[in-house]
């Protein structure tokens, strides 16, 4: 249960920051620190959605978070603390681990 909260917090922090830089437009850029909990199998960033697949109780659970911006990029799935760059670009927001 706690791992789901960690994953949701990470996704929400990224999408809320994406909304902020998107509203400001290029070249706005913010770095945020997130924690990826253990058990993450996949993180997909597509359109206005982040989907984190996390292993809980012998099955995968999907965590979703949505942004106003069209997001592109990728994030690591290994457990740990990461700095993530969230940058407004011409067609939306680019997300990448620093």
C-alpha atoms as a PDB file:
ATOM      1  CA  UNK A   1       0.000   0.000   0.000  1.00  0.00           C
ATOM      2  CA  UNK A   2       2.799   2.400   0.899  1.00  0.00           C
ATOM      3  CA  UNK A   3       4.582   1.622  -2.385  1.00  0.00           C
ATOM      4  CA  UNK A   4       1.435   2.681  -4.280  1.00  0.00           C
ATOM      5  CA  UNK A   5       1.459   6.000  -2.387  1.00  0.00           C
ATOM      6  CA  UNK A   6       5.115   6.565  -3.280  1.00  0.00           C
ATOM      7  CA  UNK A   7       4.416   5.845  -6.950  1.00  0.00           C
ATOM      8  CA  UNK A   8       1.345   8.116  -6.972  1.00  0.00           C
ATOM      9  CA  UNK A   9       3.328  10.916  -5.294  1.00  0.00           C
ATOM     10  CA  UNK A  10       6.089  10.651  -7.919  1.00  0.00           C
ATOM     11  CA  UNK A  11       3.613  10.702 -10.816  1.00  0.00           C
ATOM     12  CA  UNK A  12       1.608  13.604  -9.357  1.00  0.00           C
ATOM     13  CA  UNK A  13       4.737  15.661  -8.658  1.00  0.00           C
ATOM     14  CA  UNK A  14       5.824  15.261 -12.274  1.00  0.00           C
ATOM     15  CA  UNK A  15       2.435  16.118 -13.798  1.00  0.00           C
ATOM     16  CA  UNK A  16       1.836  19.137 -11.547  1.00  0.00           C
ATOM     17  CA  UNK A  17       5.300  20.457 -12.437  1.00  0.00           C
ATOM     18  CA  UNK A  18       4.614  19.703 -16.121  1.00  0.00           C
ATOM     19  CA  UNK A  19       1.472  21.856 -15.852  1.00  0.00           C
ATOM     20  CA  UNK A  20       3.545  24.685 -14.357  1.00  0.00           C
ATOM     21  CA  UNK A  21       6.266  24.746 -17.033  1.00  0.00           C
ATOM     22  CA  UNK A  22       3.700  24.177 -19.800  1.00  0.00           C
ATOM     23  CA  UNK A  23       1.755  27.257 -18.691  1.00  0.00           C
ATOM     24  CA  UNK A  24       4.960  29.330 -18.840  1.00  0.00           C
ATOM     25  CA  UNK A  25       6.111  27.928 -22.195  1.00  0.00           C
ATOM     26  CA  UNK A  26       9.664  27.496 -23.485  1.00  0.00           C
ATOM     27  CA  UNK A  27      12.335  27.823 -22.147  1.00  0.00           C
ATOM     28  CA  UNK A  28      10.768  27.163 -18.709  1.00  0.00           C
ATOM     29  CA  UNK A  29      12.460  24.266 -16.923  1.00  0.00           C
ATOM     30  CA  UNK A  30      12.222  22.852 -13.404  1.00  0.00           C
ATOM     31  CA  UNK A  31      14.113  20.006 -11.754  1.00  0.00           C
ATOM     32  CA  UNK A  32      12.208  17.998  -9.144  1.00  0.00           C
ATOM     33  CA  UNK A  33      13.346  15.156  -6.911  1.00  0.00           C
ATOM     34  CA  UNK A  34      11.203  12.016  -6.906  1.00  0.00           C
ATOM     35  CA  UNK A  35      11.405   8.622  -5.244  1.00  0.00           C
ATOM     36  CA  UNK A  36      10.776   5.505  -7.347  1.00  0.00           C
ATOM     37  CA  UNK A  37       9.664   2.713  -4.999  1.00  0.00           C
ATOM     38  CA  UNK A  38      10.687  -0.938  -5.402  1.00  0.00           C
ATOM     39  CA  UNK A  39       8.537  -3.133  -7.630  1.00  0.00           C
ATOM     40  CA  UNK A  40       8.085  -0.726 -10.538  1.00  0.00           C
ATOM     41  CA  UNK A  41       7.931  -2.729 -13.762  1.00  0.00           C
ATOM     42  CA  UNK A  42       7.310   0.029 -16.271  1.00  0.00           C
ATOM     43  CA  UNK A  43       6.809   3.778 -16.504  1.00  0.00           C
ATOM     44  CA  UNK A  44       5.195   5.118 -19.653  1.00  0.00           C
ATOM     45  CA  UNK A  45       4.862   8.789 -20.491  1.00  0.00           C
ATOM     46  CA  UNK A  46       2.493   9.320 -23.382  1.00  0.00           C
ATOM     47  CA  UNK A  47       0.270  12.233 -24.349  1.00  0.00           C
ATOM     48  CA  UNK A  48      -1.028  13.855 -21.191  1.00  0.00           C
ATOM     49  CA  UNK A  49      -0.646  10.730 -19.019  1.00  0.00           C
ATOM     50  CA  UNK A  50       1.978   9.036 -16.885  1.00  0.00           C
ATOM     51  CA  UNK A  51       1.352   5.358 -16.108  1.00  0.00           C
ATOM     52  CA  UNK A  52       3.447   3.565 -13.492  1.00  0.00           C
ATOM     53  CA  UNK A  53       3.030  -0.213 -13.305  1.00  0.00           C
ATOM     54  CA  UNK A  54       3.964  -1.431  -9.828  1.00  0.00           C
ATOM     55  CA  UNK A  55       4.038  -4.974  -8.456  1.00  0.00           C
ATOM     56  CA  UNK A  56       1.834  -5.370  -5.366  1.00  0.00           C
ATOM     57  CA  UNK A  57       0.364  -8.500  -3.814  1.00  0.00           C
ATOM     58  CA  UNK A  58       1.319 -10.861  -6.668  1.00  0.00           C
ATOM     59  CA  UNK A  59      -0.024  -8.606  -9.391  1.00  0.00           C
ATOM     60  CA  UNK A  60       0.626  -5.340 -11.162  1.00  0.00           C
ATOM     61  CA  UNK A  61      -1.281  -2.223 -10.203  1.00  0.00           C
ATOM     62  CA  UNK A  62      -1.544   0.780 -12.516  1.00  0.00           C
ATOM     63  CA  UNK A  63      -0.913   4.270 -11.164  1.00  0.00           C
ATOM     64  CA  UNK A  64      -2.066   7.139 -13.382  1.00  0.00           C
ATOM     65  CA  UNK A  65      -1.517  10.880 -13.307  1.00  0.00           C
ATOM     66  CA  UNK A  66      -2.613  13.432 -15.897  1.00  0.00           C
ATOM     67  CA  UNK A  67      -1.241  16.758 -17.100  1.00  0.00           C
ATOM     68  CA  UNK A  68      -2.626  19.573 -19.249  1.00  0.00           C
ATOM     69  CA  UNK A  69       0.522  19.221 -21.349  1.00  0.00           C
ATOM     70  CA  UNK A  70       1.484  16.703 -24.002  1.00  0.00           C
ATOM     71  CA  UNK A  71       4.410  14.954 -22.290  1.00  0.00           C
ATOM     72  CA  UNK A  72       7.271  12.999 -23.816  1.00  0.00           C
ATOM     73  CA  UNK A  73      10.267  11.339 -22.209  1.00  0.00           C
ATOM     74  CA  UNK A  74      11.260   8.440 -20.032  1.00  0.00           C
ATOM     75  CA  UNK A  75      12.149   7.669 -16.429  1.00  0.00           C
ATOM     76  CA  UNK A  76      14.181   4.922 -14.747  1.00  0.00           C
ATOM     77  CA  UNK A  77      12.296   2.071 -13.074  1.00  0.00           C
ATOM     78  CA  UNK A  78      14.965   1.046 -10.545  1.00  0.00           C
ATOM     79  CA  UNK A  79      14.253   1.977  -6.937  1.00  0.00           C
ATOM     80  CA  UNK A  80      15.843   5.195  -5.758  1.00  0.00           C
ATOM     81  CA  UNK A  81      15.774   8.969  -5.557  1.00  0.00           C
ATOM     82  CA  UNK A  82      16.107  10.775  -8.863  1.00  0.00           C
ATOM     83  CA  UNK A  83      16.312  14.343 -10.083  1.00  0.00           C
ATOM     84  CA  UNK A  84      13.949  14.771 -13.002  1.00  0.00           C
ATOM     85  CA  UNK A  85      14.153  17.590 -15.536  1.00  0.00           C
ATOM     86  CA  UNK A  86      10.756  18.882 -16.667  1.00  0.00           C
ATOM     87  CA  UNK A  87      11.142  21.305 -19.568  1.00  0.00           C
ATOM     88  CA  UNK A  88       8.650  23.200 -21.730  1.00  0.00           C
ATOM     89  CA  UNK A  89       9.327  22.575 -25.424  1.00  0.00           C
ATOM     90  CA  UNK A  90       7.550  23.689 -28.604  1.00  0.00           C
ATOM     91  CA  UNK A  91       5.038  20.828 -28.616  1.00  0.00           C
ATOM     92  CA  UNK A  92       4.577  20.245 -24.873  1.00  0.00           C
ATOM     93  CA  UNK A  93       6.831  19.098 -22.047  1.00  0.00           C
ATOM     94  CA  UNK A  94       9.984  16.948 -22.104  1.00  0.00           C
ATOM     95  CA  UNK A  95      10.662  14.752 -19.053  1.00  0.00           C
ATOM     96  CA  UNK A  96      13.998  13.083 -18.327  1.00  0.00           C
ATOM     97  CA  UNK A  97      16.148  11.928 -15.427  1.00  0.00           C
ATOM     98  CA  UNK A  98      19.073  14.294 -14.830  1.00  0.00           C
END
